[in-house]
């Protein structure tokens, strides 16, 4: 099948046919039949999820606040940094501030942008903005009704070791903890 003039393109591919497969408030799944520049057809499944945030709240004494929560897709509880979706009209910083308040009952007066991670680039479009939250103060915790999570407080060094030994496996949590290690090392050198 040859490419048509004006057809929608994604990188080197021309989309021959695209069909929605599934949709809910958090994600969409579609299947694209495409043609490469040589005219060869292929099929891609694409999952588009709401953009999210992952925040690592760090105390002056070096303790971090993480959460333990049952994750349905894995069928087990995980330990992660504070994470959640960016709601309509929110900036990543606003979403992070909201999530830290909801999940661990804290507010931070210092936010360090730790960049962006795309967790699984082959088929998932779900950018995740990461932050290090510092200069923390306690506030009344307001968890979402459907969320059943436990706050886990530990020294940063223990969180780093949990990433290295595979106890913490949530990709954005691993990345923000590793980036925080580099940030903290560079900050202490100044």
Protein backbone atom coordinates (compact mmCIF):
# COMPACT_ATOMS: atom_id res chain seq x y z
CA UNK A 1 0.00 0.00 0.00
CA UNK A 2 1.50 3.38 -0.90
CA UNK A 3 1.36 6.51 1.24
CA UNK A 4 -1.29 9.09 0.47
CA UNK A 5 -0.63 12.84 0.14
CA UNK A 6 -1.54 14.72 3.32
CA UNK A 7 -1.73 11.52 5.39
CA UNK A 8 -0.89 11.84 9.08
CA UNK A 9 2.69 10.95 9.89
CA UNK A 10 4.45 9.93 13.10
CA UNK A 11 8.21 10.13 12.63
CA UNK A 12 9.08 8.02 9.60
CA UNK A 13 5.68 6.27 9.60
CA UNK A 14 2.52 7.12 7.71
CA UNK A 15 -0.64 6.15 9.57
CA UNK A 16 -2.78 3.98 7.30
CA UNK A 17 -5.52 3.36 9.88
CA UNK A 18 -5.96 4.23 13.54
CA UNK A 19 -8.67 2.87 15.80
CA UNK A 20 -9.49 3.48 19.47
CA UNK A 21 -9.50 0.26 21.49
CA UNK A 22 -10.26 1.41 25.05
CA UNK A 23 -10.65 4.62 27.04
CA UNK A 24 -11.25 5.64 30.66
CA UNK A 25 -10.54 8.90 32.56
CA UNK A 26 -6.84 8.00 33.03
CA UNK A 27 -5.80 6.29 29.82
CA UNK A 28 -6.52 5.65 26.17
CA UNK A 29 -5.45 2.67 24.08
CA UNK A 30 -5.33 2.78 20.29
CA UNK A 31 -4.02 0.59 17.52
CA UNK A 32 -2.28 2.17 14.53
CA UNK A 33 -1.61 0.43 11.25
CA UNK A 34 1.34 2.21 9.69
CA UNK A 35 3.53 2.13 6.63
CA UNK A 36 7.28 2.73 6.81
CA UNK A 37 9.22 4.68 4.13
CA UNK A 38 9.81 1.42 2.17
CA UNK A 39 6.07 0.74 2.00
CA UNK A 40 6.16 -2.09 4.56
CA UNK A 41 3.17 -2.20 6.96
CA UNK A 42 3.35 -2.66 10.73
CA UNK A 43 0.98 -2.36 13.68
CA UNK A 44 1.63 -0.36 16.85
CA UNK A 45 -0.40 -0.38 20.04
CA UNK A 46 -0.20 2.94 21.90
CA UNK A 47 -1.24 3.63 25.50
CA UNK A 48 -1.63 7.31 26.34
CA UNK A 49 -1.92 8.04 30.06
CA UNK A 50 -2.44 11.30 31.91
CA UNK A 51 0.83 13.08 32.55
CA UNK A 52 1.98 12.68 36.13
CA UNK A 53 4.27 13.88 38.87
CA UNK A 54 6.61 12.14 41.27
CA UNK A 55 7.87 14.06 44.29
CA UNK A 56 10.52 13.11 46.82
CA UNK A 57 9.89 15.05 50.07
CA UNK A 58 13.26 15.41 51.85
CA UNK A 59 13.60 16.56 55.47
CA UNK A 60 16.50 18.75 56.69
CA UNK A 61 17.80 15.73 58.65
CA UNK A 62 17.98 13.60 55.49
CA UNK A 63 14.80 11.56 55.97
CA UNK A 64 12.49 11.08 53.00
CA UNK A 65 8.74 10.49 52.95
CA UNK A 66 7.58 7.64 50.71
CA UNK A 67 4.30 5.75 50.45
CA UNK A 68 3.40 2.07 50.49
CA UNK A 69 0.30 1.22 48.48
CA UNK A 70 -1.24 -1.84 46.87
CA UNK A 71 -0.91 -1.60 43.08
CA UNK A 72 -3.60 -3.56 41.30
CA UNK A 73 -1.67 -4.05 38.06
CA UNK A 74 1.20 -5.71 39.94
CA UNK A 75 -0.98 -7.48 42.47
CA UNK A 76 1.24 -6.36 45.34
CA UNK A 77 2.17 -3.40 47.51
CA UNK A 78 5.03 -1.16 46.47
CA UNK A 79 7.06 1.58 48.11
CA UNK A 80 7.23 4.71 45.99
CA UNK A 81 7.85 8.42 46.09
CA UNK A 82 4.69 10.55 46.19
CA UNK A 83 3.08 10.25 42.75
CA UNK A 84 -0.11 11.12 40.96
CA UNK A 85 -1.76 12.46 37.83
CA UNK A 86 -1.72 16.07 36.73
CA UNK A 87 -5.34 17.17 36.66
CA UNK A 88 -6.82 19.46 34.02
CA UNK A 89 -5.69 23.04 34.55
CA UNK A 90 -2.85 22.12 36.92
CA UNK A 91 0.83 22.75 36.37
CA UNK A 92 3.18 19.92 37.31
CA UNK A 93 4.23 21.93 40.40
CA UNK A 94 0.60 22.41 41.50
CA UNK A 95 -0.09 18.70 41.06
CA UNK A 96 3.01 17.84 43.07
CA UNK A 97 2.01 20.21 45.86
CA UNK A 98 -1.49 18.69 45.95
CA UNK A 99 -0.19 15.11 45.95
CA UNK A 100 2.34 15.76 48.75
CA UNK A 101 -0.46 17.24 50.87
CA UNK A 102 -2.86 14.39 50.14
CA UNK A 103 -0.46 11.49 50.50
CA UNK A 104 1.97 12.48 53.26
CA UNK A 105 0.44 15.60 54.86
CA UNK A 106 3.30 17.95 54.02
CA UNK A 107 3.86 21.22 52.23
CA UNK A 108 7.21 22.30 50.82
CA UNK A 109 8.49 25.83 50.42
CA UNK A 110 11.35 24.72 48.13
CA UNK A 111 10.81 22.77 44.91
CA UNK A 112 13.71 21.49 42.85
CA UNK A 113 12.79 20.47 39.31
CA UNK A 114 14.39 17.06 38.72
CA UNK A 115 13.31 16.80 35.08
CA UNK A 116 11.03 14.53 33.14
CA UNK A 117 10.96 10.79 32.60
CA UNK A 118 9.04 8.77 30.01
CA UNK A 119 8.56 5.40 31.71
CA UNK A 120 8.17 3.00 28.79
CA UNK A 121 8.76 4.71 25.47
CA UNK A 122 7.96 1.82 23.14
CA UNK A 123 4.19 1.92 23.58
CA UNK A 124 3.34 4.21 26.52
CA UNK A 125 3.03 7.99 26.29
CA UNK A 126 2.91 9.11 29.92
CA UNK A 127 5.39 11.88 30.76
CA UNK A 128 6.21 12.12 34.46
CA UNK A 129 7.59 15.35 35.98
CA UNK A 130 9.86 14.85 38.98
CA UNK A 131 10.59 17.14 41.91
CA UNK A 132 12.61 17.19 45.10
CA UNK A 133 10.54 18.92 47.81
CA UNK A 134 12.45 20.56 50.67
CA UNK A 135 11.81 22.90 53.60
CA UNK A 136 8.83 20.81 54.66
CA UNK A 137 6.02 21.68 57.06
CA UNK A 138 3.22 19.44 58.30
CA UNK A 139 -0.36 20.06 57.23
CA UNK A 140 -3.56 18.12 57.68
CA UNK A 141 -3.46 15.12 55.36
CA UNK A 142 -6.41 14.80 52.95
CA UNK A 143 -6.01 11.48 51.10
CA UNK A 144 -8.31 10.62 48.24
CA UNK A 145 -11.11 8.33 49.45
CA UNK A 146 -10.11 5.49 47.10
CA UNK A 147 -6.43 5.62 48.10
CA UNK A 148 -5.35 3.31 50.90
CA UNK A 149 -1.73 4.12 51.51
CA UNK A 150 0.76 4.13 54.34
CA UNK A 151 3.42 6.79 54.83
CA UNK A 152 6.94 5.38 55.04
CA UNK A 153 9.65 7.63 56.48
CA UNK A 154 13.29 6.54 56.18
CA UNK A 155 16.77 7.97 55.81
CA UNK A 156 17.57 9.00 52.25
CA UNK A 157 20.46 6.51 52.24
CA UNK A 158 17.99 3.67 52.91
CA UNK A 159 15.76 4.83 50.03
CA UNK A 160 18.79 4.93 47.74
CA UNK A 161 19.77 1.42 48.82
CA UNK A 162 16.16 0.25 48.22
CA UNK A 163 16.47 1.46 44.63
CA UNK A 164 19.83 -0.24 44.17
CA UNK A 165 18.70 -3.57 45.65
CA UNK A 166 15.39 -3.64 43.77
CA UNK A 167 13.06 -3.04 46.72
CA UNK A 168 11.82 0.17 45.08
CA UNK A 169 10.94 -0.61 41.45
CA UNK A 170 8.57 2.22 40.43
CA UNK A 171 10.52 3.78 37.55
CA UNK A 172 9.91 7.46 38.33
CA UNK A 173 10.65 6.87 42.03
CA UNK A 174 13.95 5.21 41.13
CA UNK A 175 14.91 8.04 38.79
CA UNK A 176 14.01 10.85 41.21
CA UNK A 177 15.91 9.16 44.06
CA UNK A 178 18.99 8.64 41.87
CA UNK A 179 18.82 12.20 40.56
CA UNK A 180 18.39 13.50 44.11
CA UNK A 181 21.59 11.66 45.09
CA UNK A 182 23.52 13.46 42.34
CA UNK A 183 21.87 16.80 43.21
CA UNK A 184 22.73 16.43 46.89
CA UNK A 185 26.34 15.44 46.13
CA UNK A 186 26.78 18.47 43.86
CA UNK A 187 25.11 20.78 46.42
CA UNK A 188 27.51 19.63 49.17
CA UNK A 189 30.51 20.34 46.92
CA UNK A 190 29.57 24.03 46.59
